[in-house]
Amino acid sequence: MKDKKIGNLIIKNVLPSVGGMMMVSLYILFDTIIVGQGIGKEGLAALNIGLPIYNLIFGTGILLGTGSGAYMSMSRGRNNIEEGEKSVLHSLVIGVTIGIIYTIIGLLFLENIAMFLGANDNNIMLVKEYLGSIIIFIPSFLMVYNISILVKHENRAKLSMIAMGAGGTTNVILDYIFVFPLGMGMKGAGIATGISSVVSLLILLTHFKNREIKVDFKKFRFDKIIFKAIVVIGVGSFIIEMSSGVAIFLFNRKLLETIGEIGVSSYSIISNISLMMVAIFTGICQGILPSISHDYGSGKHEDIKNIVKVGRILAVGIGLLFITVGYLFPDKISAIFTKDWSDILDVTKEGISLYFLAFPIMGLNLIQISYLQGTGRGKRATWLSLCRGLIFILIFINILPMILGVKGIWLSIVASEITVFCIFLLLIKDKKQLI
């Protein structure tokens, strides 16, 4: 692959994709800042308890978007346009259906969900206020993630970035208005985020109006083979997103047991920064995935090798940058989210210095999983995703705190990422597979 092609890939796909994903992560990030400054420690804890719901919603959207997008790109690489269009229809119809189902379940079992996620008598009302306002917007959130990935596979990454930017800007403005002047509290923060997702969705929907091949829902016929292909390819991305939710859930539980609600409030800050980091890595992955899928369908394996190399360099470089910033400015990072709460600041500073060490290896793991998805090896991608997102987190978060105390909680994510990367290297029998 020529340097010019790599440059075009970064400018046209990767940068807009990263920008768009960062804007989505800013939805939650600004909620956290506004809630921390406007409602306080209790609000931060309540917000973090509810975050895994976002991971479920976004994860489902990513599954459908990644699976159908990669399937479409591979089909086009083989000059099978009709098959690719069927996957787009499946992604849209199934996405709306699942979004409605999630909303109904969420409204019917709101209190049960809040309690399961870790709400207690001190914050149950705040958690319910926030989740209740978010749940009614689930179809919008889900379809934003779904369609934002689909448009990237059709070389319209800039549209995705514009949509996310408009939504993020709307969220900043409405968050401030609803929480401060109007005093709507957690409910206001949730509604602001929900309305912002609708703004993004409306912009993304313009893609289908201007699309060369129009989407005709009358032609939709459920195809078990296409649905299975979408799930097999996309489930790795679903697990990656859900792993953040699982990690938040496990960290919240362990911190509550160890140092109480202060720990959860501190982790609310750290987890939001981590979500931004994951969003950047996901943006890189989504930026290179269409090219990987298309080149794989066309048999251009040398091009794929160069694309993945670029992805790795970007991921490691950004991860190291975040580590540097975390070590140099932990006080300033913490102060963005909190007032003068010395107890929370101390816990947060220690957490940042340890948790951030995971970022470079995390980036490498996510790039490799994306490569496996783009080359049709969804099962291996799923296995790696399960290891990093669930299996090793469960192991290390229960073992390391017994040895290292609170430091062990923060380091469990680092140990998980390193272990997954090492196991991946050990499992490679043919070094040519490690591209």
Protein backbone atom coordinates (compact mmCIF):
# COMPACT_ATOMS: atom_id res chain seq x y z
CA MET A 1 0.00 0.00 0.00
CA LYS A 2 1.33 3.40 -0.92
CA ASP A 3 1.84 6.13 1.69
CA LYS A 4 -0.77 8.23 -0.14
CA LYS A 5 -3.42 5.57 0.40
CA ILE A 6 -2.54 5.35 4.10
CA GLY A 7 -2.75 9.14 4.36
CA ASN A 8 -6.16 9.17 2.68
CA LEU A 9 -7.36 6.43 5.01
CA ILE A 10 -6.38 8.45 8.08
CA ILE A 11 -7.82 11.73 6.81
CA LYS A 12 -11.05 10.43 5.26
CA ASN A 13 -11.92 7.57 7.62
CA VAL A 14 -9.92 7.41 10.84
CA LEU A 15 -9.93 11.07 11.95
CA PRO A 16 -13.67 11.64 11.32
CA SER A 17 -14.44 8.29 12.95
CA VAL A 18 -12.40 9.13 16.05
CA GLY A 19 -13.97 12.59 16.19
CA GLY A 20 -17.47 11.17 15.96
CA MET A 21 -16.87 8.53 18.63
CA MET A 22 -15.34 11.11 20.95
CA MET A 23 -18.44 13.27 20.58
CA VAL A 24 -20.59 10.32 21.63
CA SER A 25 -18.43 9.74 24.71
CA LEU A 26 -18.79 13.45 25.51
CA TYR A 27 -22.54 12.88 25.98
CA ILE A 28 -21.78 10.99 29.18
CA LEU A 29 -18.66 12.99 30.05
CA PHE A 30 -20.54 16.30 30.19
CA ASP A 31 -23.29 14.65 32.21
CA THR A 32 -20.61 13.69 34.72
CA ILE A 33 -19.06 17.16 34.87
CA ILE A 34 -22.43 18.91 35.23
CA VAL A 35 -23.71 16.39 37.77
CA GLY A 36 -20.50 16.60 39.80
CA GLN A 37 -20.55 20.39 39.90
CA GLY A 38 -24.32 20.84 40.17
CA ILE A 39 -25.57 17.91 42.25
CA GLY A 40 -22.52 16.62 44.11
CA LYS A 41 -20.91 13.37 45.21
CA GLU A 42 -24.20 11.53 45.50
CA GLY A 43 -25.05 12.46 41.92
CA LEU A 44 -21.68 11.22 40.66
CA ALA A 45 -22.18 7.88 42.39
CA ALA A 46 -25.73 7.55 41.03
CA LEU A 47 -24.59 8.41 37.51
CA ASN A 48 -21.82 5.81 37.55
CA ILE A 49 -24.18 3.13 38.84
CA GLY A 50 -26.39 3.72 35.80
CA LEU A 51 -23.60 3.78 33.20
CA PRO A 52 -23.75 0.04 32.30
CA ILE A 53 -27.15 0.72 30.70
CA TYR A 54 -25.38 2.89 28.13
CA ASN A 55 -22.98 0.06 27.40
CA LEU A 56 -25.85 -2.32 26.69
CA ILE A 57 -27.54 0.18 24.36
CA PHE A 58 -24.38 1.26 22.57
CA GLY A 59 -23.09 -2.32 22.42
CA THR A 60 -26.23 -3.49 20.65
CA GLY A 61 -25.99 -0.65 18.15
CA ILE A 62 -22.31 -1.38 17.54
CA LEU A 63 -23.02 -5.10 17.06
CA LEU A 64 -25.56 -4.38 14.34
CA GLY A 65 -23.58 -1.58 12.70
CA THR A 66 -20.23 -3.39 12.74
CA GLY A 67 -21.69 -6.73 11.67
CA SER A 68 -23.83 -5.41 8.83
CA GLY A 69 -21.23 -2.83 7.75
CA ALA A 70 -18.41 -5.37 7.51
CA TYR A 71 -20.71 -7.85 5.76
CA MET A 72 -21.75 -5.16 3.29
CA SER A 73 -18.13 -4.15 2.59
CA MET A 74 -17.03 -7.77 2.07
CA SER A 75 -20.01 -8.35 -0.24
CA ARG A 76 -19.13 -5.27 -2.29
CA GLY A 77 -15.51 -6.42 -2.44
CA ARG A 78 -16.87 -9.56 -4.12
CA ASN A 79 -19.19 -7.45 -6.35
CA ASN A 80 -22.28 -8.84 -4.62
CA ILE A 81 -24.14 -5.56 -4.04
CA GLU A 82 -27.57 -7.10 -3.42
CA GLU A 83 -26.33 -9.27 -0.56
CA GLY A 84 -24.76 -6.24 1.11
CA GLU A 85 -28.01 -4.27 0.86
CA LYS A 86 -29.89 -7.05 2.62
CA SER A 87 -27.54 -6.72 5.60
CA VAL A 88 -28.26 -2.97 5.81
CA LEU A 89 -32.01 -3.61 5.91
CA HIS A 90 -31.57 -6.22 8.63
CA SER A 91 -29.46 -3.82 10.69
CA LEU A 92 -32.07 -1.04 10.56
CA VAL A 93 -35.19 -3.15 11.16
CA ILE A 94 -33.69 -5.26 13.93
CA GLY A 95 -32.14 -2.18 15.57
CA VAL A 96 -35.47 -0.35 15.89
CA THR A 97 -37.18 -3.52 17.14
CA ILE A 98 -34.60 -4.20 19.84
CA GLY A 99 -34.61 -0.54 20.90
CA ILE A 100 -38.37 -0.64 21.51
CA ILE A 101 -38.08 -3.92 23.43
CA TYR A 102 -35.30 -2.49 25.65
CA THR A 103 -37.45 0.58 26.38
CA ILE A 104 -40.48 -1.45 27.42
CA ILE A 105 -38.42 -3.72 29.68
CA GLY A 106 -36.60 -0.73 31.19
CA LEU A 107 -39.79 1.14 32.07
CA LEU A 108 -41.48 -1.95 33.52
CA PHE A 109 -38.54 -2.97 35.70
CA LEU A 110 -36.83 0.35 36.42
CA GLU A 111 -36.41 -0.10 40.18
CA ASN A 112 -35.28 -3.72 39.84
CA ILE A 113 -32.65 -2.68 37.29
CA ALA A 114 -31.42 0.15 39.52
CA MET A 115 -31.08 -2.17 42.52
CA PHE A 116 -29.30 -4.83 40.45
CA LEU A 117 -26.76 -2.26 39.25
CA GLY A 118 -25.89 -1.37 42.83
CA ALA A 119 -28.26 1.39 43.93
CA ASN A 120 -28.92 1.61 47.67
CA ASP A 121 -31.27 3.52 49.95
CA ASN A 122 -29.04 6.60 49.77
CA ASN A 123 -29.11 6.99 45.99
CA ILE A 124 -31.96 4.87 44.61
CA MET A 125 -34.11 7.91 43.77
CA LEU A 126 -31.26 9.65 41.94
CA VAL A 127 -30.45 6.50 39.97
CA LYS A 128 -34.12 6.01 39.02
CA GLU A 129 -34.45 9.67 37.96
CA TYR A 130 -31.48 9.39 35.63
CA LEU A 131 -32.25 5.95 34.20
CA GLY A 132 -35.93 6.75 33.76
CA SER A 133 -35.14 9.75 31.60
CA ILE A 134 -32.55 7.84 29.56
CA ILE A 135 -34.65 4.73 28.91
CA ILE A 136 -37.30 6.52 26.85
CA PHE A 137 -34.58 7.51 24.36
CA ILE A 138 -33.08 4.01 23.97
CA PRO A 139 -34.20 3.52 20.32
CA SER A 140 -32.53 6.81 19.39
CA PHE A 141 -29.26 6.00 21.20
CA LEU A 142 -29.12 2.53 19.68
CA MET A 143 -29.77 3.69 16.12
CA VAL A 144 -27.24 6.53 16.38
CA TYR A 145 -24.47 4.02 17.06
CA ASN A 146 -25.81 1.60 14.45
CA ILE A 147 -26.14 4.09 11.59
CA SER A 148 -22.96 6.01 12.46
CA ILE A 149 -21.00 2.83 11.72
CA LEU A 150 -22.96 1.99 8.58
CA VAL A 151 -22.27 5.41 7.02
CA LYS A 152 -18.54 4.96 7.64
CA HIS A 153 -18.63 1.80 5.54
CA GLU A 154 -20.12 3.92 2.75
CA ASN A 155 -17.29 6.49 2.93
CA ARG A 156 -19.32 9.11 4.79
CA ALA A 157 -17.34 9.27 8.02
CA LYS A 158 -17.59 13.09 7.96
CA LEU A 159 -21.38 12.90 8.19
CA SER A 160 -21.02 10.74 11.28
CA MET A 161 -18.63 13.26 12.83
CA ILE A 162 -20.97 16.17 12.04
CA ALA A 163 -23.92 14.31 13.55
CA MET A 164 -22.02 13.47 16.72
CA GLY A 165 -20.64 16.99 16.96
CA ALA A 166 -24.11 18.51 16.71
CA GLY A 167 -25.42 16.11 19.32
CA GLY A 168 -22.49 16.76 21.64
CA THR A 169 -22.92 20.53 21.37
CA THR A 170 -26.64 20.22 22.07
CA ASN A 171 -25.87 18.09 25.10
CA VAL A 172 -23.48 20.65 26.59
CA ILE A 173 -26.01 23.45 26.23
CA LEU A 174 -29.04 21.51 27.48
CA ASP A 175 -27.12 19.87 30.34
CA TYR A 176 -26.23 23.27 31.73
CA ILE A 177 -29.72 24.74 31.24
CA PHE A 178 -31.62 21.77 32.70
CA VAL A 179 -29.37 21.22 35.74
CA PHE A 180 -28.49 24.79 36.77
CA PRO A 181 -31.11 27.42 35.77
CA LEU A 182 -34.04 24.98 35.67
CA GLY A 183 -32.86 22.83 38.60
CA MET A 184 -34.07 19.56 37.06
CA GLY A 185 -31.29 17.52 38.67
CA MET A 186 -30.50 14.00 37.45
CA LYS A 187 -33.65 13.87 35.36
CA GLY A 188 -32.56 17.01 33.51
CA ALA A 189 -29.11 15.57 32.78
CA GLY A 190 -30.68 12.42 31.36
CA ILE A 191 -33.24 14.27 29.22
CA ALA A 192 -30.53 16.56 27.84
CA THR A 193 -28.49 13.56 26.75
CA GLY A 194 -31.55 11.89 25.22
CA ILE A 195 -32.53 14.95 23.18
CA SER A 196 -28.94 15.23 21.96
CA SER A 197 -29.08 11.69 20.60
CA VAL A 198 -32.23 12.59 18.63
CA VAL A 199 -30.38 15.53 17.05
CA SER A 200 -27.56 13.19 15.97
CA LEU A 201 -30.02 10.62 14.63
CA LEU A 202 -31.91 13.15 12.50
CA ILE A 203 -28.66 14.23 10.84
CA LEU A 204 -27.55 10.63 10.23
CA LEU A 205 -30.89 9.78 8.61
CA THR A 206 -30.15 12.27 5.81
CA HIS A 207 -27.65 9.69 4.54
CA PHE A 208 -30.47 7.44 3.37
CA LYS A 209 -32.19 10.28 1.54
CA ASN A 210 -29.05 11.02 -0.48
CA ARG A 211 -27.96 7.40 -0.85
CA GLU A 212 -27.51 6.09 -4.41
CA ILE A 213 -29.29 2.82 -3.56
CA LYS A 214 -32.47 3.66 -1.65
CA VAL A 215 -33.45 1.58 1.38
CA ASP A 216 -36.81 -0.08 0.73
CA PHE A 217 -38.29 -1.53 3.91
CA LYS A 218 -40.99 -3.28 1.87
CA LYS A 219 -38.28 -5.60 0.57
CA PHE A 220 -37.27 -6.74 4.04
CA ARG A 221 -37.49 -10.48 4.57
CA PHE A 222 -35.78 -11.94 7.58
CA ASP A 223 -32.80 -14.01 6.46
CA LYS A 224 -31.37 -16.30 9.12
CA ILE A 225 -28.04 -16.67 7.33
CA ILE A 226 -27.48 -12.90 7.03
CA PHE A 227 -28.59 -12.31 10.62
CA LYS A 228 -26.18 -14.99 11.85
CA ALA A 229 -23.34 -13.44 9.83
CA ILE A 230 -24.07 -9.99 11.30
CA VAL A 231 -24.06 -11.37 14.84
CA VAL A 232 -20.91 -13.48 14.37
CA ILE A 233 -18.98 -10.51 12.96
CA GLY A 234 -20.38 -7.89 15.33
CA VAL A 235 -20.59 -9.77 18.62
CA GLY A 236 -16.92 -9.08 19.33
CA SER A 237 -17.64 -5.34 19.24
CA PHE A 238 -20.69 -5.89 21.44
CA ILE A 239 -18.55 -7.65 24.02
CA ILE A 240 -15.93 -4.90 23.85
CA GLU A 241 -18.59 -2.29 24.66
CA MET A 242 -20.28 -4.48 27.26
CA SER A 243 -16.92 -5.17 28.88
CA SER A 244 -16.82 -1.50 29.88
CA GLY A 245 -20.24 -1.94 31.49
CA VAL A 246 -19.18 -5.16 33.23
CA ALA A 247 -16.00 -3.48 34.46
CA ILE A 248 -17.98 -0.51 35.80
CA PHE A 249 -20.41 -2.87 37.54
CA LEU A 250 -17.62 -4.96 39.11
CA PHE A 251 -15.56 -1.91 40.08
CA ASN A 252 -18.59 -0.25 41.69
CA ARG A 253 -19.32 -3.37 43.75
CA LYS A 254 -15.73 -3.85 44.86
CA LEU A 255 -15.20 -0.15 45.69
CA LEU A 256 -18.44 -0.04 47.69
CA GLU A 257 -17.22 -3.04 49.68
CA THR A 258 -13.74 -1.59 50.19
CA ILE A 259 -14.03 2.19 50.72
CA GLY A 260 -17.72 2.98 50.26
CA GLU A 261 -19.51 5.57 48.13
CA ILE A 262 -16.40 7.78 47.92
CA GLY A 263 -14.78 5.07 45.82
CA VAL A 264 -17.75 4.92 43.44
CA SER A 265 -17.73 8.72 43.07
CA SER A 266 -14.00 8.64 42.28
CA TYR A 267 -14.46 5.81 39.83
CA SER A 268 -17.19 7.81 38.10
CA ILE A 269 -14.48 10.27 37.06
CA ILE A 270 -11.98 7.59 36.02
CA SER A 271 -14.52 5.46 34.15
CA ASN A 272 -15.68 8.45 32.11
CA ILE A 273 -12.13 9.19 31.02
CA SER A 274 -11.75 5.50 30.23
CA LEU A 275 -14.93 5.61 28.14
CA MET A 276 -13.39 8.45 26.13
CA MET A 277 -10.23 6.38 25.66
CA VAL A 278 -12.26 3.39 24.48
CA ALA A 279 -14.22 5.73 22.17
CA ILE A 280 -10.97 6.90 20.56
CA PHE A 281 -9.77 3.33 20.08
CA THR A 282 -13.18 2.32 18.74
CA GLY A 283 -13.04 5.25 16.34
CA ILE A 284 -9.68 4.05 15.02
CA CYS A 285 -11.06 0.52 14.67
CA GLN A 286 -14.18 1.71 12.86
CA GLY A 287 -12.06 3.95 10.65
CA ILE A 288 -9.85 1.09 9.42
CA LEU A 289 -12.46 -1.69 9.46
CA PRO A 290 -14.20 -0.81 6.14
CA SER A 291 -10.84 -0.89 4.32
CA ILE A 292 -9.85 -4.16 5.99
CA SER A 293 -13.17 -5.80 5.06
CA HIS A 294 -13.08 -4.54 1.46
CA ASP A 295 -9.42 -5.49 0.94
CA TYR A 296 -10.05 -8.91 2.47
CA GLY A 297 -12.94 -9.47 0.07
CA SER A 298 -10.65 -8.37 -2.79
CA GLY A 299 -7.71 -10.50 -1.61
CA LYS A 300 -5.37 -7.54 -0.92
CA HIS A 301 -3.60 -9.01 2.13
CA GLU A 302 -0.51 -6.78 1.97
CA ASP A 303 -2.74 -3.71 2.14
CA ILE A 304 -4.46 -5.14 5.22
CA LYS A 305 -1.08 -5.61 6.91
CA ASN A 306 -0.20 -1.94 6.43
CA ILE A 307 -3.62 -0.74 7.60
CA VAL A 308 -3.37 -2.71 10.85
CA LYS A 309 0.17 -1.40 11.42
CA VAL A 310 -1.09 2.18 11.20
CA GLY A 311 -3.93 1.36 13.61
CA ARG A 312 -1.49 -0.05 16.15
CA ILE A 313 0.83 2.94 15.98
CA LEU A 314 -2.08 5.34 16.49
CA ALA A 315 -3.53 3.33 19.39
CA VAL A 316 -0.25 2.97 21.29
CA GLY A 317 0.70 6.61 20.70
CA ILE A 318 -2.62 7.93 22.01
CA GLY A 319 -2.51 5.52 24.96
CA LEU A 320 0.95 6.77 25.95
CA LEU A 321 -0.23 10.37 25.62
CA PHE A 322 -3.08 9.75 28.08
CA ILE A 323 -0.69 8.09 30.54
CA THR A 324 1.59 11.14 30.38
CA VAL A 325 -1.29 13.57 30.93
CA GLY A 326 -2.61 11.45 33.80
CA TYR A 327 0.75 11.43 35.58
CA LEU A 328 1.45 15.13 35.05
CA PHE A 329 -1.99 16.60 35.79
CA PRO A 330 -4.04 14.26 38.05
CA ASP A 331 -5.18 17.17 40.25
CA LYS A 332 -6.45 19.24 37.33
CA ILE A 333 -8.24 16.27 35.76
CA SER A 334 -10.02 15.50 39.04
CA ALA A 335 -10.91 19.15 39.65
CA ILE A 336 -12.86 19.33 36.37
CA PHE A 337 -15.44 16.95 37.81
CA THR A 338 -15.48 17.84 41.51
CA LYS A 339 -15.54 20.68 43.97
CA ASP A 340 -13.14 20.86 46.91
CA TRP A 341 -13.65 17.28 48.10
CA SER A 342 -10.21 16.26 49.32
CA ASP A 343 -11.28 12.69 50.12
CA ILE A 344 -12.47 12.04 46.56
CA LEU A 345 -9.51 13.89 45.02
CA ASP A 346 -6.99 11.68 46.85
CA VAL A 347 -8.67 8.44 45.75
CA THR A 348 -9.10 9.69 42.18
CA LYS A 349 -5.47 10.76 41.82
CA GLU A 350 -4.23 7.31 42.84
CA GLY A 351 -6.74 5.63 40.55
CA ILE A 352 -5.69 7.72 37.54
CA SER A 353 -1.98 6.96 38.04
CA LEU A 354 -2.65 3.20 38.01
CA TYR A 355 -5.72 2.69 35.80
CA PHE A 356 -4.29 4.70 32.89
CA LEU A 357 -1.40 2.21 32.54
CA ALA A 358 -3.83 -0.10 30.73
CA PHE A 359 -4.48 2.23 27.80
CA PRO A 360 -1.66 1.36 25.32
CA ILE A 361 -2.18 -2.42 25.63
CA MET A 362 -5.94 -1.89 25.51
CA GLY A 363 -5.50 -0.12 22.18
CA LEU A 364 -3.43 -2.97 20.75
CA ASN A 365 -6.01 -5.54 21.86
CA LEU A 366 -8.90 -3.63 20.30
CA ILE A 367 -7.05 -3.15 16.99
CA GLN A 368 -6.34 -6.88 16.81
CA ILE A 369 -9.97 -7.74 17.54
CA SER A 370 -11.05 -5.32 14.82
CA TYR A 371 -8.68 -7.01 12.36
CA LEU A 372 -10.19 -10.40 13.15
CA GLN A 373 -13.70 -9.02 12.61
CA GLY A 374 -12.78 -7.41 9.31
CA THR A 375 -11.32 -10.65 7.98
CA GLY A 376 -14.36 -12.73 8.88
CA ARG A 377 -12.89 -14.40 11.99
CA GLY A 378 -15.68 -13.36 14.30
CA LYS A 379 -15.41 -16.36 16.64
CA ARG A 380 -11.77 -15.64 17.50
CA ALA A 381 -12.60 -11.95 17.97
CA THR A 382 -15.43 -12.92 20.31
CA TRP A 383 -13.17 -15.18 22.35
CA LEU A 384 -10.55 -12.45 22.79
CA SER A 385 -13.26 -9.94 23.70
CA LEU A 386 -14.68 -12.28 26.34
CA CYS A 387 -11.22 -12.76 27.85
CA ARG A 388 -10.43 -9.05 28.16
CA GLY A 389 -13.92 -7.87 29.04
CA LEU A 390 -15.17 -10.49 31.44
CA ILE A 391 -13.04 -13.51 32.32
CA PHE A 392 -9.82 -11.83 33.42
CA ILE A 393 -11.53 -8.80 34.94
CA LEU A 394 -13.50 -11.17 37.17
CA ILE A 395 -10.34 -13.01 38.17
CA PHE A 396 -8.07 -10.06 38.85
CA ILE A 397 -10.59 -7.80 40.59
CA ASN A 398 -11.16 -10.54 43.15
CA ILE A 399 -7.51 -11.55 43.62
CA LEU A 400 -5.41 -8.37 43.41
CA PRO A 401 -7.31 -6.36 46.10
CA MET A 402 -6.54 -9.12 48.60
CA ILE A 403 -2.84 -8.56 47.93
CA LEU A 404 -2.60 -4.83 47.15
CA GLY A 405 -5.76 -3.35 48.67
CA VAL A 406 -7.40 -0.50 46.72
CA LYS A 407 -4.40 -0.35 44.37
CA GLY A 408 -5.25 -3.90 43.34
CA ILE A 409 -8.70 -2.75 42.21
CA TRP A 410 -7.23 -0.14 39.88
CA LEU A 411 -4.53 -2.50 38.59
CA SER A 412 -6.99 -5.28 37.75
CA ILE A 413 -7.80 -3.65 34.41
CA VAL A 414 -4.08 -3.38 33.63
CA ALA A 415 -3.47 -7.03 34.48
CA SER A 416 -6.44 -8.11 32.36
CA GLU A 417 -5.29 -6.26 29.23
CA ILE A 418 -1.69 -7.48 29.55
CA THR A 419 -2.79 -11.09 30.08
CA VAL A 420 -5.07 -11.04 27.03
CA PHE A 421 -2.29 -9.63 24.87
CA CYS A 422 0.22 -12.23 26.09
CA ILE A 423 -2.22 -15.10 25.54
CA PHE A 424 -2.94 -13.84 22.05
CA LEU A 425 0.79 -13.89 21.25
CA LEU A 426 1.15 -17.41 22.63
CA LEU A 427 -1.78 -18.69 20.57
CA ILE A 428 -0.32 -17.49 17.29
CA LYS A 429 1.34 -20.50 15.67
CA ASP A 430 1.92 -18.86 12.31
CA LYS A 431 3.58 -15.47 12.82
CA LYS A 432 2.14 -14.31 9.52
CA GLN A 433 -1.25 -14.19 11.21
CA LEU A 434 0.02 -11.49 13.56
CA ILE A 435 -0.22 -8.61 11.17
